[in-house]
PDB file of N, CA and C in Angstrom:
ATOM      1  N   MET A   1       0.843  -1.178   0.000  1.00  0.00           N
ATOM      2  CA  MET A   1       0.000   0.000   0.000  1.00  0.00           C
ATOM      3  C   MET A   1       0.888   1.241   0.000  1.00  0.00           C
ATOM      4  N   LYS A   2       0.492   2.208  -0.775  1.00  0.00           N
ATOM      5  CA  LYS A   2       1.233   3.464  -0.809  1.00  0.00           C
ATOM      6  C   LYS A   2       1.124   4.171   0.530  1.00  0.00           C
ATOM      7  N   LYS A   3       2.016   5.109   0.738  1.00  0.00           N
ATOM      8  CA  LYS A   3       1.993   5.892   1.967  1.00  0.00           C
ATOM      9  C   LYS A   3       1.474   7.294   1.671  1.00  0.00           C
ATOM     10  N   SER A   4       0.905   7.891   2.685  1.00  0.00           N
ATOM     11  CA  SER A   4       0.335   9.221   2.564  1.00  0.00           C
ATOM     12  C   SER A   4       0.740  10.041   3.777  1.00  0.00           C
ATOM     13  N   GLN A   5       1.171  11.260   3.557  1.00  0.00           N
ATOM     14  CA  GLN A   5       1.506  12.128   4.683  1.00  0.00           C
ATOM     15  C   GLN A   5       0.268  12.445   5.510  1.00  0.00           C
ATOM     16  N   ASN A   6      -0.889  12.366   4.900  1.00  0.00           N
ATOM     17  CA  ASN A   6      -2.120  12.724   5.596  1.00  0.00           C
ATOM     18  C   ASN A   6      -2.659  11.613   6.487  1.00  0.00           C
ATOM     19  N   PHE A   7      -2.310  10.360   6.221  1.00  0.00           N
ATOM     20  CA  PHE A   7      -2.917   9.253   6.947  1.00  0.00           C
ATOM     21  C   PHE A   7      -1.921   8.313   7.620  1.00  0.00           C
ATOM     22  N   GLU A   8      -0.643   8.494   7.438  1.00  0.00           N
ATOM     23  CA  GLU A   8       0.349   7.575   8.007  1.00  0.00           C
ATOM     24  C   GLU A   8       0.349   7.581   9.529  1.00  0.00           C
ATOM     25  N   MET A   9      -0.043   8.669  10.155  1.00  0.00           N
ATOM     26  CA  MET A   9      -0.047   8.724  11.617  1.00  0.00           C
ATOM     27  C   MET A   9      -1.046   7.732  12.211  1.00  0.00           C
ATOM     28  N   LEU A  10      -2.016   7.305  11.406  1.00  0.00           N
ATOM     29  CA  LEU A  10      -3.019   6.345  11.870  1.00  0.00           C
ATOM     30  C   LEU A  10      -2.556   4.897  11.771  1.00  0.00           C
ATOM     31  N   ARG A  11      -1.567   4.637  10.915  1.00  0.00           N
ATOM     32  CA  ARG A  11      -1.211   3.265  10.558  1.00  0.00           C
ATOM     33  C   ARG A  11      -0.813   2.396  11.749  1.00  0.00           C
ATOM     34  N   SER A  12      -0.138   2.954  12.728  1.00  0.00           N
ATOM     35  CA  SER A  12       0.338   2.113  13.838  1.00  0.00           C
ATOM     36  C   SER A  12      -0.810   1.548  14.676  1.00  0.00           C
ATOM     37  N   HIS A  13      -1.922   2.259  14.773  1.00  0.00           N
ATOM     38  CA  HIS A  13      -3.052   1.789  15.579  1.00  0.00           C
ATOM     39  C   HIS A  13      -4.262   1.386  14.743  1.00  0.00           C
ATOM     40  N   TRP A  14      -4.456   2.049  13.617  1.00  0.00           N
ATOM     41  CA  TRP A  14      -5.633   1.808  12.777  1.00  0.00           C
ATOM     42  C   TRP A  14      -5.211   1.688  11.316  1.00  0.00           C
ATOM     43  N   SER A  15      -4.594   0.586  10.987  1.00  0.00           N
ATOM     44  CA  SER A  15      -4.054   0.412   9.630  1.00  0.00           C
ATOM     45  C   SER A  15      -5.156   0.408   8.572  1.00  0.00           C
ATOM     46  N   GLU A  16      -6.324  -0.114   8.909  1.00  0.00           N
ATOM     47  CA  GLU A  16      -7.415  -0.136   7.933  1.00  0.00           C
ATOM     48  C   GLU A  16      -7.882   1.283   7.590  1.00  0.00           C
ATOM     49  N   LEU A  17      -7.936   2.163   8.587  1.00  0.00           N
ATOM     50  CA  LEU A  17      -8.289   3.561   8.322  1.00  0.00           C
ATOM     51  C   LEU A  17      -7.226   4.230   7.454  1.00  0.00           C
ATOM     52  N   ALA A  18      -5.972   3.962   7.746  1.00  0.00           N
ATOM     53  CA  ALA A  18      -4.889   4.538   6.945  1.00  0.00           C
ATOM     54  C   ALA A  18      -4.990   4.056   5.497  1.00  0.00           C
ATOM     55  N   ASN A  19      -5.258   2.775   5.295  1.00  0.00           N
ATOM     56  CA  ASN A  19      -5.374   2.234   3.941  1.00  0.00           C
ATOM     57  C   ASN A  19      -6.543   2.865   3.181  1.00  0.00           C
ATOM     58  N   LEU A  20      -7.682   3.018   3.849  1.00  0.00           N
ATOM     59  CA  LEU A  20      -8.843   3.638   3.182  1.00  0.00           C
ATOM     60  C   LEU A  20      -8.553   5.089   2.822  1.00  0.00           C
ATOM     61  N   GLY A  21      -7.889   5.802   3.697  1.00  0.00           N
ATOM     62  CA  GLY A  21      -7.532   7.194   3.401  1.00  0.00           C
ATOM     63  C   GLY A  21      -6.600   7.308   2.211  1.00  0.00           C
ATOM     64  N   VAL A  22      -5.622   6.430   2.153  1.00  0.00           N
ATOM     65  CA  VAL A  22      -4.683   6.427   1.024  1.00  0.00           C
ATOM     66  C   VAL A  22      -5.422   6.112  -0.277  1.00  0.00           C
ATOM     67  N   MET A  23      -6.303   5.124  -0.239  1.00  0.00           N
ATOM     68  CA  MET A  23      -7.048   4.763  -1.453  1.00  0.00           C
ATOM     69  C   MET A  23      -7.947   5.913  -1.902  1.00  0.00           C
ATOM     70  N   ALA A  24      -8.585   6.589  -0.954  1.00  0.00           N
ATOM     71  CA  ALA A  24      -9.424   7.737  -1.313  1.00  0.00           C
ATOM     72  C   ALA A  24      -8.588   8.809  -1.993  1.00  0.00           C
ATOM     73  N   GLU A  25      -7.397   9.077  -1.478  1.00  0.00           N
ATOM     74  CA  GLU A  25      -6.511  10.064  -2.107  1.00  0.00           C
ATOM     75  C   GLU A  25      -6.121   9.647  -3.521  1.00  0.00           C
ATOM     76  N   LEU A  26      -5.857   8.364  -3.705  1.00  0.00           N
ATOM     77  CA  LEU A  26      -5.444   7.885  -5.029  1.00  0.00           C
ATOM     78  C   LEU A  26      -6.569   8.008  -6.054  1.00  0.00           C
ATOM     79  N   TYR A  27      -7.811   7.814  -5.617  1.00  0.00           N
ATOM     80  CA  TYR A  27      -8.951   7.811  -6.528  1.00  0.00           C
ATOM     81  C   TYR A  27      -9.584   9.182  -6.745  1.00  0.00           C
ATOM     82  N   VAL A  28      -9.213  10.179  -5.969  1.00  0.00           N
ATOM     83  CA  VAL A  28      -9.956  11.439  -5.961  1.00  0.00           C
ATOM     84  C   VAL A  28     -10.108  12.063  -7.351  1.00  0.00           C
ATOM     85  N   HIS A  29      -9.104  12.009  -8.193  1.00  0.00           N
ATOM     86  CA  HIS A  29      -9.202  12.622  -9.527  1.00  0.00           C
ATOM     87  C   HIS A  29      -9.613  11.619 -10.598  1.00  0.00           C
ATOM     88  N   ALA A  30      -9.090  10.409 -10.517  1.00  0.00           N
ATOM     89  CA  ALA A  30      -9.344   9.406 -11.549  1.00  0.00           C
ATOM     90  C   ALA A  30     -10.746   8.801 -11.442  1.00  0.00           C
ATOM     91  N   ASP A  31     -11.239   8.621 -10.224  1.00  0.00           N
ATOM     92  CA  ASP A  31     -12.531   7.963 -10.013  1.00  0.00           C
ATOM     93  C   ASP A  31     -13.189   8.527  -8.750  1.00  0.00           C
ATOM     94  N   PRO A  32     -13.795   9.706  -8.856  1.00  0.00           N
ATOM     95  CA  PRO A  32     -14.362  10.368  -7.673  1.00  0.00           C
ATOM     96  C   PRO A  32     -15.422   9.542  -6.947  1.00  0.00           C
ATOM     97  N   GLU A  33     -16.195   8.747  -7.681  1.00  0.00           N
ATOM     98  CA  GLU A  33     -17.222   7.927  -7.024  1.00  0.00           C
ATOM     99  C   GLU A  33     -16.581   6.890  -6.105  1.00  0.00           C
ATOM    100  N   SER A  34     -15.510   6.268  -6.560  1.00  0.00           N
ATOM    101  CA  SER A  34     -14.802   5.298  -5.714  1.00  0.00           C
ATOM    102  C   SER A  34     -14.171   5.995  -4.517  1.00  0.00           C
ATOM    103  N   CYS A  35     -13.704   7.202  -4.720  1.00  0.00           N
ATOM    104  CA  CYS A  35     -13.153   7.986  -3.628  1.00  0.00           C
ATOM    105  C   CYS A  35     -14.208   8.186  -2.544  1.00  0.00           C
ATOM    106  N   LEU A  36     -15.418   8.534  -2.938  1.00  0.00           N
ATOM    107  CA  LEU A  36     -16.494   8.736  -1.970  1.00  0.00           C
ATOM    108  C   LEU A  36     -16.853   7.450  -1.233  1.00  0.00           C
ATOM    109  N   VAL A  37     -16.817   6.328  -1.931  1.00  0.00           N
ATOM    110  CA  VAL A  37     -17.084   5.037  -1.282  1.00  0.00           C
ATOM    111  C   VAL A  37     -16.030   4.771  -0.204  1.00  0.00           C
ATOM    112  N   LYS A  38     -14.768   5.016  -0.533  1.00  0.00           N
ATOM    113  CA  LYS A  38     -13.691   4.795   0.443  1.00  0.00           C
ATOM    114  C   LYS A  38     -13.861   5.720   1.642  1.00  0.00           C
ATOM    115  N   LEU A  39     -14.252   6.966   1.397  1.00  0.00           N
ATOM    116  CA  LEU A  39     -14.447   7.901   2.500  1.00  0.00           C
ATOM    117  C   LEU A  39     -15.642   7.508   3.364  1.00  0.00           C
ATOM    118  N   ARG A  40     -16.700   6.992   2.748  1.00  0.00           N
ATOM    119  CA  ARG A  40     -17.847   6.499   3.530  1.00  0.00           C
ATOM    120  C   ARG A  40     -17.426   5.331   4.416  1.00  0.00           C
ATOM    121  N   ASN A  41     -16.631   4.424   3.866  1.00  0.00           N
ATOM    122  CA  ASN A  41     -16.128   3.292   4.652  1.00  0.00           C
ATOM    123  C   ASN A  41     -15.251   3.777   5.800  1.00  0.00           C
ATOM    124  N   TYR A  42     -14.435   4.770   5.523  1.00  0.00           N
ATOM    125  CA  TYR A  42     -13.563   5.358   6.534  1.00  0.00           C
ATOM    126  C   TYR A  42     -14.403   5.889   7.696  1.00  0.00           C
ATOM    127  N   LEU A  43     -15.444   6.643   7.370  1.00  0.00           N
ATOM    128  CA  LEU A  43     -16.297   7.214   8.414  1.00  0.00           C
ATOM    129  C   LEU A  43     -17.066   6.125   9.171  1.00  0.00           C
ATOM    130  N   ALA A  44     -17.488   5.086   8.468  1.00  0.00           N
ATOM    131  CA  ALA A  44     -18.214   3.999   9.124  1.00  0.00           C
ATOM    132  C   ALA A  44     -17.328   3.279  10.146  1.00  0.00           C
ATOM    133  N   LEU A  45     -16.057   3.127   9.840  1.00  0.00           N
ATOM    134  CA  LEU A  45     -15.140   2.461  10.761  1.00  0.00           C
ATOM    135  C   LEU A  45     -14.853   3.314  11.990  1.00  0.00           C
ATOM    136  N   GLN A  46     -14.915   4.617  11.836  1.00  0.00           N
ATOM    137  CA  GLN A  46     -14.657   5.512  12.969  1.00  0.00           C
ATOM    138  C   GLN A  46     -15.781   5.504  13.977  1.00  0.00           C
ATOM    139  N   GLY A  47     -17.005   5.357  13.502  1.00  0.00           N
ATOM    140  CA  GLY A  47     -18.146   5.506  14.405  1.00  0.00           C
ATOM    141  C   GLY A  47     -18.630   4.262  14.890  1.00  0.00           C
TER     142      GLY A  47
END
């Protein structure tokens, strides 16, 4: 999985959240709908 300056601080305790954040960043321009799905999953895991 790629690394992100925005989400790496989460990786040590919440690797799944870090992975979803990285994927959302990767998809934001190429596939905005997939980006939104990843962000929804991210929020669902937090709550």
